[in-house]
């Protein structure tokens, strides 16, 4: 399911128009992204937790060449699903 399909499905389930759902979804995603950029985790009960995981910099060896190169440390967004979400997906698959 892509974003357009998600918006259409959510609009059918609510009294909102597709435009209103798209605006709400965009605002929600922007808010989650800002929180992660600020180092704050975002937890949605019965869905999961978004957080930024930090990977430290390190030196790697070059393949086929001499020497090493440095990879800078950086943050990567991570999603951990809740037990309730995992259970629901598992039930649907069975």
PDB file of N, CA and C in Angstrom:
ATOM      1  N   UNK A   1       0.858  -1.171   0.000  1.00  0.00           N
ATOM      2  CA  UNK A   1       0.000   0.000   0.000  1.00  0.00           C
ATOM      3  C   UNK A   1       0.902   1.231   0.000  1.00  0.00           C
ATOM      4  N   UNK A   2       0.645   2.142  -0.922  1.00  0.00           N
ATOM      5  CA  UNK A   2       1.408   3.385  -0.955  1.00  0.00           C
ATOM      6  C   UNK A   2       0.626   4.502  -0.258  1.00  0.00           C
ATOM      7  N   UNK A   3       1.211   5.682  -0.230  1.00  0.00           N
ATOM      8  CA  UNK A   3       0.601   6.794   0.509  1.00  0.00           C
ATOM      9  C   UNK A   3      -0.778   7.155  -0.050  1.00  0.00           C
ATOM     10  N   UNK A   4      -0.918   7.159  -1.356  1.00  0.00           N
ATOM     11  CA  UNK A   4      -2.204   7.512  -1.977  1.00  0.00           C
ATOM     12  C   UNK A   4      -3.297   6.513  -1.571  1.00  0.00           C
ATOM     13  N   UNK A   5      -2.961   5.235  -1.577  1.00  0.00           N
ATOM     14  CA  UNK A   5      -3.920   4.209  -1.187  1.00  0.00           C
ATOM     15  C   UNK A   5      -4.250   4.299   0.302  1.00  0.00           C
ATOM     16  N   UNK A   6      -3.258   4.594   1.108  1.00  0.00           N
ATOM     17  CA  UNK A   6      -3.477   4.762   2.543  1.00  0.00           C
ATOM     18  C   UNK A   6      -4.433   5.910   2.818  1.00  0.00           C
ATOM     19  N   UNK A   7      -4.227   7.032   2.143  1.00  0.00           N
ATOM     20  CA  UNK A   7      -5.102   8.200   2.317  1.00  0.00           C
ATOM     21  C   UNK A   7      -6.524   7.867   1.879  1.00  0.00           C
ATOM     22  N   UNK A   8      -6.675   7.209   0.743  1.00  0.00           N
ATOM     23  CA  UNK A   8      -8.011   6.867   0.238  1.00  0.00           C
ATOM     24  C   UNK A   8      -8.736   5.920   1.197  1.00  0.00           C
ATOM     25  N   UNK A   9      -8.031   4.929   1.715  1.00  0.00           N
ATOM     26  CA  UNK A   9      -8.638   3.976   2.642  1.00  0.00           C
ATOM     27  C   UNK A   9      -9.038   4.658   3.944  1.00  0.00           C
ATOM     28  N   UNK A  10      -8.170   5.507   4.477  1.00  0.00           N
ATOM     29  CA  UNK A  10      -8.486   6.225   5.715  1.00  0.00           C
ATOM     30  C   UNK A  10      -9.662   7.175   5.512  1.00  0.00           C
ATOM     31  N   UNK A  11      -9.745   7.811   4.352  1.00  0.00           N
ATOM     32  CA  UNK A  11     -10.861   8.725   4.075  1.00  0.00           C
ATOM     33  C   UNK A  11     -12.184   7.968   4.031  1.00  0.00           C
ATOM     34  N   UNK A  12     -12.167   6.751   3.471  1.00  0.00           N
ATOM     35  CA  UNK A  12     -13.395   5.948   3.427  1.00  0.00           C
ATOM     36  C   UNK A  12     -13.839   5.528   4.826  1.00  0.00           C
ATOM     37  N   UNK A  13     -12.900   5.346   5.746  1.00  0.00           N
ATOM     38  CA  UNK A  13     -13.223   4.903   7.107  1.00  0.00           C
ATOM     39  C   UNK A  13     -13.645   6.050   8.022  1.00  0.00           C
ATOM     40  N   UNK A  14     -13.438   7.283   7.594  1.00  0.00           N
ATOM     41  CA  UNK A  14     -13.769   8.438   8.426  1.00  0.00           C
ATOM     42  C   UNK A  14     -14.730   9.347   7.686  1.00  0.00           C
ATOM     43  N   UNK A  15     -15.079  10.437   8.331  1.00  0.00           N
ATOM     44  CA  UNK A  15     -15.931  11.446   7.693  1.00  0.00           C
ATOM     45  C   UNK A  15     -15.096  12.536   7.027  1.00  0.00           C
ATOM     46  N   UNK A  16     -13.794  12.321   6.918  1.00  0.00           N
ATOM     47  CA  UNK A  16     -12.894  13.313   6.351  1.00  0.00           C
ATOM     48  C   UNK A  16     -12.723  13.105   4.854  1.00  0.00           C
ATOM     49  N   UNK A  17     -12.375  14.183   4.163  1.00  0.00           N
ATOM     50  CA  UNK A  17     -12.070  14.071   2.735  1.00  0.00           C
ATOM     51  C   UNK A  17     -10.638  13.566   2.568  1.00  0.00           C
ATOM     52  N   UNK A  18     -10.315  13.146   1.346  1.00  0.00           N
ATOM     53  CA  UNK A  18      -8.948  12.688   1.083  1.00  0.00           C
ATOM     54  C   UNK A  18      -7.950  13.817   1.306  1.00  0.00           C
ATOM     55  N   UNK A  19      -8.315  15.031   0.965  1.00  0.00           N
ATOM     56  CA  UNK A  19      -7.420  16.175   1.172  1.00  0.00           C
ATOM     57  C   UNK A  19      -7.139  16.386   2.656  1.00  0.00           C
ATOM     58  N   UNK A  20      -8.170  16.282   3.488  1.00  0.00           N
ATOM     59  CA  UNK A  20      -7.996  16.455   4.930  1.00  0.00           C
ATOM     60  C   UNK A  20      -7.134  15.341   5.523  1.00  0.00           C
ATOM     61  N   UNK A  21      -7.360  14.116   5.068  1.00  0.00           N
ATOM     62  CA  UNK A  21      -6.557  12.988   5.560  1.00  0.00           C
ATOM     63  C   UNK A  21      -5.109  13.156   5.134  1.00  0.00           C
ATOM     64  N   UNK A  22      -4.870  13.573   3.887  1.00  0.00           N
ATOM     65  CA  UNK A  22      -3.501  13.775   3.395  1.00  0.00           C
ATOM     66  C   UNK A  22      -2.793  14.863   4.199  1.00  0.00           C
ATOM     67  N   UNK A  23      -3.497  15.963   4.493  1.00  0.00           N
ATOM     68  CA  UNK A  23      -2.904  17.033   5.296  1.00  0.00           C
ATOM     69  C   UNK A  23      -2.581  16.551   6.708  1.00  0.00           C
ATOM     70  N   UNK A  24      -3.481  15.772   7.298  1.00  0.00           N
ATOM     71  CA  UNK A  24      -3.246  15.241   8.639  1.00  0.00           C
ATOM     72  C   UNK A  24      -2.073  14.263   8.636  1.00  0.00           C
ATOM     73  N   UNK A  25      -1.999  13.407   7.632  1.00  0.00           N
ATOM     74  CA  UNK A  25      -0.904  12.450   7.536  1.00  0.00           C
ATOM     75  C   UNK A  25       0.430  13.163   7.337  1.00  0.00           C
ATOM     76  N   UNK A  26       0.453  14.164   6.464  1.00  0.00           N
ATOM     77  CA  UNK A  26       1.685  14.934   6.250  1.00  0.00           C
ATOM     78  C   UNK A  26       2.139  15.627   7.532  1.00  0.00           C
ATOM     79  N   UNK A  27       1.186  16.193   8.287  1.00  0.00           N
ATOM     80  CA  UNK A  27       1.522  16.852   9.549  1.00  0.00           C
ATOM     81  C   UNK A  27       2.044  15.841  10.562  1.00  0.00           C
ATOM     82  N   UNK A  28       1.432  14.675  10.616  1.00  0.00           N
ATOM     83  CA  UNK A  28       1.864  13.631  11.536  1.00  0.00           C
ATOM     84  C   UNK A  28       3.277  13.146  11.200  1.00  0.00           C
ATOM     85  N   UNK A  29       3.542  12.897   9.931  1.00  0.00           N
ATOM     86  CA  UNK A  29       4.872  12.437   9.516  1.00  0.00           C
ATOM     87  C   UNK A  29       5.935  13.502   9.765  1.00  0.00           C
ATOM     88  N   UNK A  30       5.600  14.762   9.522  1.00  0.00           N
ATOM     89  CA  UNK A  30       6.548  15.849   9.771  1.00  0.00           C
ATOM     90  C   UNK A  30       6.848  15.969  11.266  1.00  0.00           C
ATOM     91  N   UNK A  31       5.841  15.792  12.090  1.00  0.00           N
ATOM     92  CA  UNK A  31       6.023  15.865  13.535  1.00  0.00           C
ATOM     93  C   UNK A  31       6.910  14.727  14.032  1.00  0.00           C
ATOM     94  N   UNK A  32       6.687  13.523  13.510  1.00  0.00           N
ATOM     95  CA  UNK A  32       7.528  12.382  13.888  1.00  0.00           C
ATOM     96  C   UNK A  32       8.968  12.621  13.452  1.00  0.00           C
ATOM     97  N   UNK A  33       9.165  13.119  12.230  1.00  0.00           N
ATOM     98  CA  UNK A  33      10.513  13.381  11.726  1.00  0.00           C
ATOM     99  C   UNK A  33      11.228  14.436  12.571  1.00  0.00           C
ATOM    100  N   UNK A  34      10.525  15.496  12.954  1.00  0.00           N
ATOM    101  CA  UNK A  34      11.127  16.541  13.788  1.00  0.00           C
ATOM    102  C   UNK A  34      11.516  15.995  15.159  1.00  0.00           C
ATOM    103  N   UNK A  35      10.645  15.175  15.739  1.00  0.00           N
ATOM    104  CA  UNK A  35      10.948  14.596  17.053  1.00  0.00           C
ATOM    105  C   UNK A  35      12.176  13.697  16.967  1.00  0.00           C
ATOM    106  N   UNK A  36      12.274  12.885  15.924  1.00  0.00           N
ATOM    107  CA  UNK A  36      13.427  12.005  15.760  1.00  0.00           C
ATOM    108  C   UNK A  36      14.701  12.812  15.540  1.00  0.00           C
ATOM    109  N   UNK A  37      14.601  13.893  14.764  1.00  0.00           N
ATOM    110  CA  UNK A  37      15.766  14.748  14.524  1.00  0.00           C
ATOM    111  C   UNK A  37      16.233  15.405  15.825  1.00  0.00           C
ATOM    112  N   UNK A  38      15.308  15.666  16.744  1.00  0.00           N
ATOM    113  CA  UNK A  38      15.649  16.251  18.048  1.00  0.00           C
ATOM    114  C   UNK A  38      16.091  15.194  19.063  1.00  0.00           C
ATOM    115  N   UNK A  39      16.106  13.929  18.655  1.00  0.00           N
ATOM    116  CA  UNK A  39      16.538  12.858  19.544  1.00  0.00           C
ATOM    117  C   UNK A  39      15.455  12.311  20.446  1.00  0.00           C
ATOM    118  N   UNK A  40      14.203  12.674  20.190  1.00  0.00           N
ATOM    119  CA  UNK A  40      13.091  12.199  21.013  1.00  0.00           C
ATOM    120  C   UNK A  40      12.454  10.971  20.370  1.00  0.00           C
ATOM    121  N   UNK A  41      12.196   9.921  21.134  1.00  0.00           N
ATOM    122  CA  UNK A  41      11.456   8.780  20.582  1.00  0.00           C
ATOM    123  C   UNK A  41       9.966   9.110  20.490  1.00  0.00           C
ATOM    124  N   UNK A  42       9.276   8.448  19.579  1.00  0.00           N
ATOM    125  CA  UNK A  42       7.836   8.621  19.425  1.00  0.00           C
ATOM    126  C   UNK A  42       7.192   7.249  19.600  1.00  0.00           C
ATOM    127  N   UNK A  43       6.360   7.098  20.617  1.00  0.00           N
ATOM    128  CA  UNK A  43       5.703   5.828  20.909  1.00  0.00           C
ATOM    129  C   UNK A  43       4.213   5.948  20.645  1.00  0.00           C
ATOM    130  N   UNK A  44       3.684   5.042  19.842  1.00  0.00           N
ATOM    131  CA  UNK A  44       2.255   4.976  19.548  1.00  0.00           C
ATOM    132  C   UNK A  44       1.743   3.667  20.139  1.00  0.00           C
ATOM    133  N   UNK A  45       0.893   3.770  21.145  1.00  0.00           N
ATOM    134  CA  UNK A  45       0.441   2.563  21.836  1.00  0.00           C
ATOM    135  C   UNK A  45      -0.242   1.619  20.852  1.00  0.00           C
ATOM    136  N   UNK A  46      -0.023   0.337  21.039  1.00  0.00           N
ATOM    137  CA  UNK A  46      -0.553  -0.745  20.200  1.00  0.00           C
ATOM    138  C   UNK A  46      -0.087  -0.671  18.749  1.00  0.00           C
ATOM    139  N   UNK A  47       0.923   0.143  18.455  1.00  0.00           N
ATOM    140  CA  UNK A  47       1.476   0.198  17.102  1.00  0.00           C
ATOM    141  C   UNK A  47       2.983  -0.025  17.133  1.00  0.00           C
ATOM    142  N   UNK A  48       3.705   0.867  17.809  1.00  0.00           N
ATOM    143  CA  UNK A  48       5.145   0.695  17.882  1.00  0.00           C
ATOM    144  C   UNK A  48       5.849   1.956  18.327  1.00  0.00           C
ATOM    145  N   UNK A  49       7.175   1.921  18.189  1.00  0.00           N
ATOM    146  CA  UNK A  49       8.007   3.022  18.673  1.00  0.00           C
ATOM    147  C   UNK A  49       9.011   3.400  17.593  1.00  0.00           C
ATOM    148  N   UNK A  50       9.063   4.691  17.282  1.00  0.00           N
ATOM    149  CA  UNK A  50      10.053   5.242  16.371  1.00  0.00           C
ATOM    150  C   UNK A  50      11.145   5.884  17.212  1.00  0.00           C
ATOM    151  N   UNK A  51      12.400   5.640  16.861  1.00  0.00           N
ATOM    152  CA  UNK A  51      13.488   6.307  17.557  1.00  0.00           C
ATOM    153  C   UNK A  51      14.686   6.426  16.629  1.00  0.00           C
ATOM    154  N   UNK A  52      15.598   7.317  16.991  1.00  0.00           N
ATOM    155  CA  UNK A  52      16.820   7.495  16.224  1.00  0.00           C
ATOM    156  C   UNK A  52      17.929   6.725  16.927  1.00  0.00           C
ATOM    157  N   UNK A  53      18.524   5.795  16.220  1.00  0.00           N
ATOM    158  CA  UNK A  53      19.618   5.004  16.778  1.00  0.00           C
ATOM    159  C   UNK A  53      20.931   5.569  16.246  1.00  0.00           C
ATOM    160  N   UNK A  54      21.878   5.790  17.137  1.00  0.00           N
ATOM    161  CA  UNK A  54      23.144   6.390  16.726  1.00  0.00           C
ATOM    162  C   UNK A  54      24.181   5.309  16.445  1.00  0.00           C
ATOM    163  N   UNK A  55      24.807   5.412  15.279  1.00  0.00           N
ATOM    164  CA  UNK A  55      25.920   4.538  14.928  1.00  0.00           C
ATOM    165  C   UNK A  55      27.194   5.350  15.022  1.00  0.00           C
ATOM    166  N   UNK A  56      28.152   4.852  15.769  1.00  0.00           N
ATOM    167  CA  UNK A  56      29.396   5.594  15.956  1.00  0.00           C
ATOM    168  C   UNK A  56      30.275   5.452  14.718  1.00  0.00           C
ATOM    169  N   UNK A  57      31.144   6.436  14.533  1.00  0.00           N
ATOM    170  CA  UNK A  57      32.070   6.405  13.411  1.00  0.00           C
ATOM    171  C   UNK A  57      33.106   5.303  13.599  1.00  0.00           C
ATOM    172  N   UNK A  58      33.667   4.850  12.508  1.00  0.00           N
ATOM    173  CA  UNK A  58      34.671   3.799  12.588  1.00  0.00           C
ATOM    174  C   UNK A  58      35.549   3.832  11.346  1.00  0.00           C
ATOM    175  N   UNK A  59      36.652   3.130  11.413  1.00  0.00           N
ATOM    176  CA  UNK A  59      37.535   3.031  10.263  1.00  0.00           C
ATOM    177  C   UNK A  59      37.334   1.680   9.604  1.00  0.00           C
ATOM    178  N   UNK A  60      37.243   1.696   8.279  1.00  0.00           N
ATOM    179  CA  UNK A  60      37.059   0.472   7.508  1.00  0.00           C
ATOM    180  C   UNK A  60      38.231   0.276   6.562  1.00  0.00           C
ATOM    181  N   UNK A  61      38.534  -0.972   6.295  1.00  0.00           N
ATOM    182  CA  UNK A  61      39.610  -1.300   5.379  1.00  0.00           C
ATOM    183  C   UNK A  61      39.124  -1.235   3.936  1.00  0.00           C
ATOM    184  N   UNK A  62      39.932  -0.739   3.047  1.00  0.00           N
ATOM    185  CA  UNK A  62      39.581  -0.674   1.631  1.00  0.00           C
ATOM    186  C   UNK A  62      39.722  -2.058   0.999  1.00  0.00           C
ATOM    187  N   UNK A  63      38.765  -2.420   0.179  1.00  0.00           N
ATOM    188  CA  UNK A  63      38.866  -3.665  -0.580  1.00  0.00           C
ATOM    189  C   UNK A  63      39.713  -3.413  -1.811  1.00  0.00           C
ATOM    190  N   UNK A  64      40.664  -4.254  -2.072  1.00  0.00           N
ATOM    191  CA  UNK A  64      41.477  -4.137  -3.273  1.00  0.00           C
ATOM    192  C   UNK A  64      42.422  -2.957  -3.278  1.00  0.00           C
ATOM    193  N   UNK A  65      42.540  -2.265  -2.188  1.00  0.00           N
ATOM    194  CA  UNK A  65      43.427  -1.109  -2.131  1.00  0.00           C
ATOM    195  C   UNK A  65      44.159  -1.074  -0.807  1.00  0.00           C
ATOM    196  N   UNK A  66      45.018  -0.114  -0.702  1.00  0.00           N
ATOM    197  CA  UNK A  66      45.773   0.009   0.535  1.00  0.00           C
ATOM    198  C   UNK A  66      45.112   1.024   1.450  1.00  0.00           C
ATOM    199  N   UNK A  67      45.271   0.819   2.732  1.00  0.00           N
ATOM    200  CA  UNK A  67      44.828   1.807   3.702  1.00  0.00           C
ATOM    201  C   UNK A  67      43.407   1.602   4.190  1.00  0.00           C
ATOM    202  N   UNK A  68      42.944   2.617   4.887  1.00  0.00           N
ATOM    203  CA  UNK A  68      41.623   2.613   5.508  1.00  0.00           C
ATOM    204  C   UNK A  68      40.887   3.897   5.142  1.00  0.00           C
ATOM    205  N   UNK A  69      39.587   3.904   5.385  1.00  0.00           N
ATOM    206  CA  UNK A  69      38.816   5.140   5.279  1.00  0.00           C
ATOM    207  C   UNK A  69      37.878   5.231   6.474  1.00  0.00           C
ATOM    208  N   UNK A  70      37.468   6.444   6.788  1.00  0.00           N
ATOM    209  CA  UNK A  70      36.662   6.691   7.978  1.00  0.00           C
ATOM    210  C   UNK A  70      35.201   6.912   7.595  1.00  0.00           C
ATOM    211  N   UNK A  71      34.323   6.251   8.318  1.00  0.00           N
ATOM    212  CA  UNK A  71      32.881   6.465   8.177  1.00  0.00           C
ATOM    213  C   UNK A  71      32.452   7.286   9.388  1.00  0.00           C
ATOM    214  N   UNK A  72      31.824   8.419   9.145  1.00  0.00           N
ATOM    215  CA  UNK A  72      31.387   9.297  10.226  1.00  0.00           C
ATOM    216  C   UNK A  72      30.195   8.685  10.964  1.00  0.00           C
ATOM    217  N   UNK A  73      30.095   8.989  12.246  1.00  0.00           N
ATOM    218  CA  UNK A  73      28.946   8.559  13.024  1.00  0.00           C
ATOM    219  C   UNK A  73      27.687   9.278  12.551  1.00  0.00           C
ATOM    220  N   UNK A  74      26.564   8.601  12.647  1.00  0.00           N
ATOM    221  CA  UNK A  74      25.306   9.197  12.186  1.00  0.00           C
ATOM    222  C   UNK A  74      24.125   8.528  12.887  1.00  0.00           C
ATOM    223  N   UNK A  75      22.993   9.197  12.836  1.00  0.00           N
ATOM    224  CA  UNK A  75      21.765   8.661  13.421  1.00  0.00           C
ATOM    225  C   UNK A  75      20.911   8.060  12.308  1.00  0.00           C
ATOM    226  N   UNK A  76      20.246   6.954  12.624  1.00  0.00           N
ATOM    227  CA  UNK A  76      19.394   6.253  11.672  1.00  0.00           C
ATOM    228  C   UNK A  76      18.032   6.043  12.316  1.00  0.00           C
ATOM    229  N   UNK A  77      16.932   6.367  11.610  1.00  0.00           N
ATOM    230  CA  UNK A  77      15.617   6.122  12.197  1.00  0.00           C
ATOM    231  C   UNK A  77      15.324   4.619  12.258  1.00  0.00           C
ATOM    232  N   UNK A  78      14.735   4.195  13.382  1.00  0.00           N
ATOM    233  CA  UNK A  78      14.438   2.787  13.613  1.00  0.00           C
ATOM    234  C   UNK A  78      12.984   2.682  14.087  1.00  0.00           C
ATOM    235  N   UNK A  79      12.287   1.640  13.622  1.00  0.00           N
ATOM    236  CA  UNK A  79      10.924   1.371  14.088  1.00  0.00           C
ATOM    237  C   UNK A  79      10.899   0.008  14.752  1.00  0.00           C
ATOM    238  N   UNK A  80      10.329  -0.040  15.941  1.00  0.00           N
ATOM    239  CA  UNK A  80      10.150  -1.301  16.652  1.00  0.00           C
ATOM    240  C   UNK A  80       8.648  -1.502  16.857  1.00  0.00           C
ATOM    241  N   UNK A  81       8.126  -2.552  16.279  1.00  0.00           N
ATOM    242  CA  UNK A  81       6.686  -2.789  16.373  1.00  0.00           C
ATOM    243  C   UNK A  81       6.298  -3.263  17.770  1.00  0.00           C
ATOM    244  N   UNK A  82       5.068  -2.969  18.157  1.00  0.00           N
ATOM    245  CA  UNK A  82       4.575  -3.397  19.466  1.00  0.00           C
ATOM    246  C   UNK A  82       4.153  -4.864  19.393  1.00  0.00           C
ATOM    247  N   UNK A  83       4.029  -5.460  20.532  1.00  0.00           N
ATOM    248  CA  UNK A  83       3.585  -6.852  20.595  1.00  0.00           C
ATOM    249  C   UNK A  83       2.180  -6.997  20.011  1.00  0.00           C
ATOM    250  N   UNK A  84       1.314  -6.015  20.272  1.00  0.00           N
ATOM    251  CA  UNK A  84      -0.057  -6.057  19.758  1.00  0.00           C
ATOM    252  C   UNK A  84      -0.065  -6.032  18.227  1.00  0.00           C
ATOM    253  N   UNK A  85       0.772  -5.215  17.620  1.00  0.00           N
ATOM    254  CA  UNK A  85       0.843  -5.145  16.160  1.00  0.00           C
ATOM    255  C   UNK A  85       1.389  -6.451  15.586  1.00  0.00           C
ATOM    256  N   UNK A  86       2.442  -6.995  16.199  1.00  0.00           N
ATOM    257  CA  UNK A  86       3.000  -8.262  15.720  1.00  0.00           C
ATOM    258  C   UNK A  86       1.965  -9.384  15.799  1.00  0.00           C
ATOM    259  N   UNK A  87       1.221  -9.408  16.890  1.00  0.00           N
ATOM    260  CA  UNK A  87       0.176 -10.423  17.062  1.00  0.00           C
ATOM    261  C   UNK A  87      -0.897 -10.296  15.989  1.00  0.00           C
ATOM    262  N   UNK A  88      -1.308  -9.062  15.710  1.00  0.00           N
ATOM    263  CA  UNK A  88      -2.376  -8.844  14.715  1.00  0.00           C
ATOM    264  C   UNK A  88      -1.927  -9.257  13.315  1.00  0.00           C
ATOM    265  N   UNK A  89      -0.695  -8.923  12.961  1.00  0.00           N
ATOM    266  CA  UNK A  89      -0.172  -9.304  11.648  1.00  0.00           C
ATOM    267  C   UNK A  89      -0.057 -10.823  11.550  1.00  0.00           C
ATOM    268  N   UNK A  90       0.388 -11.457  12.621  1.00  0.00           N
ATOM    269  CA  UNK A  90       0.545 -12.900  12.640  1.00  0.00           C
ATOM    270  C   UNK A  90      -0.808 -13.599  12.476  1.00  0.00           C
ATOM    271  N   UNK A  91      -1.845 -13.062  13.139  1.00  0.00           N
ATOM    272  CA  UNK A  91      -3.195 -13.644  13.023  1.00  0.00           C
ATOM    273  C   UNK A  91      -3.728 -13.527  11.609  1.00  0.00           C
ATOM    274  N   UNK A  92      -3.468 -12.393  10.941  1.00  0.00           N
ATOM    275  CA  UNK A  92      -3.951 -12.178   9.579  1.00  0.00           C
ATOM    276  C   UNK A  92      -3.285 -13.129   8.588  1.00  0.00           C
ATOM    277  N   UNK A  93      -1.989 -13.423   8.816  1.00  0.00           N
ATOM    278  CA  UNK A  93      -1.232 -14.287   7.909  1.00  0.00           C
ATOM    279  C   UNK A  93      -1.658 -15.746   8.016  1.00  0.00           C
ATOM    280  N   UNK A  94      -2.140 -16.150   9.182  1.00  0.00           N
ATOM    281  CA  UNK A  94      -2.472 -17.566   9.407  1.00  0.00           C
ATOM    282  C   UNK A  94      -3.783 -17.963   8.779  1.00  0.00           C
TER     283      UNK A  94
END
